[in-house]
């Protein structure tokens, strides 16, 4: 799910105030909430059509990000991300989408750890950063299917289709 412009502006402000960090910043246009891990797909047109059917009755909803921290754990930090903990509506949405992707997401567990990664910590580097409390409210109003194109400098995401939520 792409994040809205207000969220991007806030992450850019955070980034600007920490330009000396030994990280690779994610370009603002690539900021998103991952609902289903990447998978190989031969017929993206079919998947986009199925997305429309799966999401026809899903309404947009708000989520709140409440912390900027390192992850996945403080002991093994690889990312800097904004998180909002678990979220039932996103877990339900992920459950719908996991069947489409053919992934093995546990659809009985509707909890979902909400996060948006905005920096990758360079290998072998340490970032001196303590968690910060934030209050960023975001309306999630669409789901996108992205193609992930891997480059030595990092992934590039190309939008294949976008389905608006009612």
Protein backbone atom coordinates (compact mmCIF):
# COMPACT_ATOMS: atom_id res chain seq x y z
CA UNK A 1 0.00 0.00 0.00
CA UNK A 2 1.53 3.34 -0.93
CA UNK A 3 1.74 5.98 1.76
CA UNK A 4 0.27 9.41 1.33
CA UNK A 5 2.22 12.61 0.69
CA UNK A 6 1.96 13.88 4.30
CA UNK A 7 3.73 10.72 5.52
CA UNK A 8 6.44 11.13 2.87
CA UNK A 9 7.03 14.73 3.95
CA UNK A 10 7.42 13.68 7.58
CA UNK A 11 9.92 10.97 6.67
CA UNK A 12 11.90 13.46 4.58
CA UNK A 13 12.04 15.82 7.55
CA UNK A 14 13.30 12.95 9.74
CA UNK A 15 15.84 12.02 7.08
CA UNK A 16 17.11 15.58 6.66
CA UNK A 17 17.75 15.89 10.39
CA UNK A 18 19.82 12.67 10.35
CA UNK A 19 21.76 12.98 7.12
CA UNK A 20 24.96 11.74 8.80
CA UNK A 21 23.50 8.30 9.57
CA UNK A 22 25.35 5.43 7.80
CA UNK A 23 22.22 4.22 6.02
CA UNK A 24 20.74 3.92 2.56
CA UNK A 25 17.59 6.05 2.55
CA UNK A 26 14.58 4.66 0.72
CA UNK A 27 13.41 7.09 -2.00
CA UNK A 28 10.13 8.74 -0.92
CA UNK A 29 8.27 7.32 -3.94
CA UNK A 30 9.15 3.80 -2.76
CA UNK A 31 7.68 4.14 0.75
CA UNK A 32 4.91 1.63 1.28
CA UNK A 33 3.30 -0.85 3.67
CA UNK A 34 4.05 -4.41 2.51
CA UNK A 35 1.00 -6.63 2.90
CA UNK A 36 2.29 -9.70 1.05
CA UNK A 37 5.97 -10.57 0.61
CA UNK A 38 7.34 -10.52 -2.95
CA UNK A 39 6.52 -13.49 -5.14
CA UNK A 40 7.06 -14.42 -8.79
CA UNK A 41 4.06 -13.78 -11.04
CA UNK A 42 3.73 -14.55 -14.74
CA UNK A 43 0.30 -13.02 -15.42
CA UNK A 44 0.16 -9.63 -13.71
CA UNK A 45 -2.92 -8.63 -15.71
CA UNK A 46 -4.84 -11.54 -14.18
CA UNK A 47 -3.61 -10.65 -10.68
CA UNK A 48 -4.67 -7.01 -11.13
CA UNK A 49 -8.14 -8.11 -12.25
CA UNK A 50 -8.43 -10.43 -9.25
CA UNK A 51 -7.32 -7.59 -6.96
CA UNK A 52 -10.33 -5.55 -8.10
CA UNK A 53 -12.65 -8.45 -7.27
CA UNK A 54 -11.05 -9.17 -3.88
CA UNK A 55 -11.16 -5.54 -2.77
CA UNK A 56 -14.57 -4.52 -4.10
CA UNK A 57 -16.12 -4.41 -0.62
CA UNK A 58 -13.10 -3.11 1.35
CA UNK A 59 -13.34 0.46 2.61
CA UNK A 60 -10.43 2.82 3.22
CA UNK A 61 -9.32 3.10 6.84
CA UNK A 62 -6.94 5.02 9.06
CA UNK A 63 -3.86 3.68 10.76
CA UNK A 64 -1.57 5.37 13.25
CA UNK A 65 2.19 5.15 13.37
CA UNK A 66 3.42 5.69 16.92
CA UNK A 67 7.17 5.08 16.89
CA UNK A 68 10.32 5.44 14.82
CA UNK A 69 12.86 2.79 15.76
CA UNK A 70 15.38 0.32 14.41
CA UNK A 71 14.31 -3.16 13.46
CA UNK A 72 13.67 -5.97 13.23
CA UNK A 73 15.16 -5.97 16.73
CA UNK A 74 17.26 -3.51 18.72
CA UNK A 75 20.00 -6.16 18.98
CA UNK A 76 20.09 -6.79 15.22
CA UNK A 77 19.12 -3.50 13.61
CA UNK A 78 18.94 -3.58 9.81
CA UNK A 79 16.30 -0.92 9.21
CA UNK A 80 14.92 2.33 10.47
CA UNK A 81 11.16 2.28 10.30
CA UNK A 82 7.99 3.90 11.50
CA UNK A 83 5.69 1.39 13.15
CA UNK A 84 2.22 1.16 14.53
CA UNK A 85 2.22 -2.29 16.08
CA UNK A 86 -0.40 -4.87 15.20
CA UNK A 87 -3.47 -3.97 13.17
CA UNK A 88 -6.51 -6.20 12.70
CA UNK A 89 -7.86 -4.60 9.48
CA UNK A 90 -4.48 -4.90 7.78
CA UNK A 91 -4.22 -8.51 8.91
CA UNK A 92 -7.61 -9.27 7.37
CA UNK A 93 -6.58 -7.53 4.16
CA UNK A 94 -3.32 -9.50 4.11
CA UNK A 95 -5.32 -12.71 4.57
CA UNK A 96 -7.37 -11.95 1.47
CA UNK A 97 -4.31 -11.09 -0.56
CA UNK A 98 -2.14 -14.02 0.52
CA UNK A 99 -4.36 -16.48 -1.35
CA UNK A 100 -3.97 -14.42 -4.49
CA UNK A 101 -0.19 -14.49 -4.14
CA UNK A 102 -0.14 -18.18 -3.24
CA UNK A 103 1.79 -17.41 -0.07
CA UNK A 104 1.38 -19.28 3.17
CA UNK A 105 0.27 -16.40 5.40
CA UNK A 106 -1.69 -17.67 8.39
CA UNK A 107 -5.15 -16.34 7.62
CA UNK A 108 -6.39 -17.31 11.09
CA UNK A 109 -4.01 -14.78 12.65
CA UNK A 110 -5.42 -11.43 11.53
CA UNK A 111 -2.83 -9.36 13.40
CA UNK A 112 -0.38 -7.47 11.29
CA UNK A 113 2.73 -5.56 12.33
CA UNK A 114 2.30 -2.16 10.69
CA UNK A 115 5.57 -0.59 9.56
CA UNK A 116 7.14 1.44 6.76
CA UNK A 117 10.88 1.08 6.25
CA UNK A 118 12.57 4.30 5.28
CA UNK A 119 16.26 3.41 5.69
CA UNK A 120 18.46 0.33 5.47
CA UNK A 121 21.45 0.29 7.77
CA UNK A 122 24.65 -0.36 5.86
CA UNK A 123 26.26 -3.72 6.60
CA UNK A 124 28.75 -3.54 9.45
CA UNK A 125 27.59 -0.07 10.51
CA UNK A 126 25.99 0.95 13.77
CA UNK A 127 23.35 3.63 14.15
CA UNK A 128 23.12 5.39 17.48
CA UNK A 129 19.38 5.93 17.57
CA UNK A 130 16.87 5.63 20.39
CA UNK A 131 13.20 5.05 19.57
CA UNK A 132 11.14 8.20 19.10
CA UNK A 133 7.44 8.53 19.79
CA UNK A 134 5.41 9.93 16.88
CA UNK A 135 1.73 10.46 16.13
CA UNK A 136 1.34 10.06 12.37
CA UNK A 137 -2.17 9.22 11.17
CA UNK A 138 -2.46 7.90 7.63
CA UNK A 139 -5.50 6.97 5.54
CA UNK A 140 -4.92 3.78 3.56
CA UNK A 141 -7.12 4.12 0.52
CA UNK A 142 -5.60 1.83 -2.11
CA UNK A 143 -3.68 -1.38 -2.70
CA UNK A 144 -0.97 -1.58 -5.34
CA UNK A 145 0.79 -4.41 -7.05
CA UNK A 146 4.43 -3.51 -7.53
CA UNK A 147 7.18 -5.06 -9.56
CA UNK A 148 10.41 -5.13 -7.58
CA UNK A 149 13.45 -4.47 -9.75
CA UNK A 150 16.67 -5.20 -7.91
CA UNK A 151 19.73 -3.00 -8.47
CA UNK A 152 23.07 -2.94 -6.60
CA UNK A 153 21.99 0.42 -5.15
CA UNK A 154 18.68 -1.00 -3.88
CA UNK A 155 15.25 -2.03 -5.10
CA UNK A 156 13.19 0.04 -7.50
CA UNK A 157 9.44 -0.41 -7.39
CA UNK A 158 7.30 -0.06 -10.49
CA UNK A 159 3.54 0.10 -9.97
CA UNK A 160 1.68 -2.43 -12.11
CA UNK A 161 -1.82 -1.58 -10.90
CA UNK A 162 -3.59 0.33 -8.17
CA UNK A 163 -6.98 -0.56 -6.73
CA UNK A 164 -8.80 2.10 -4.75
CA UNK A 165 -10.64 1.19 -1.57
CA UNK A 166 -14.22 2.44 -1.17
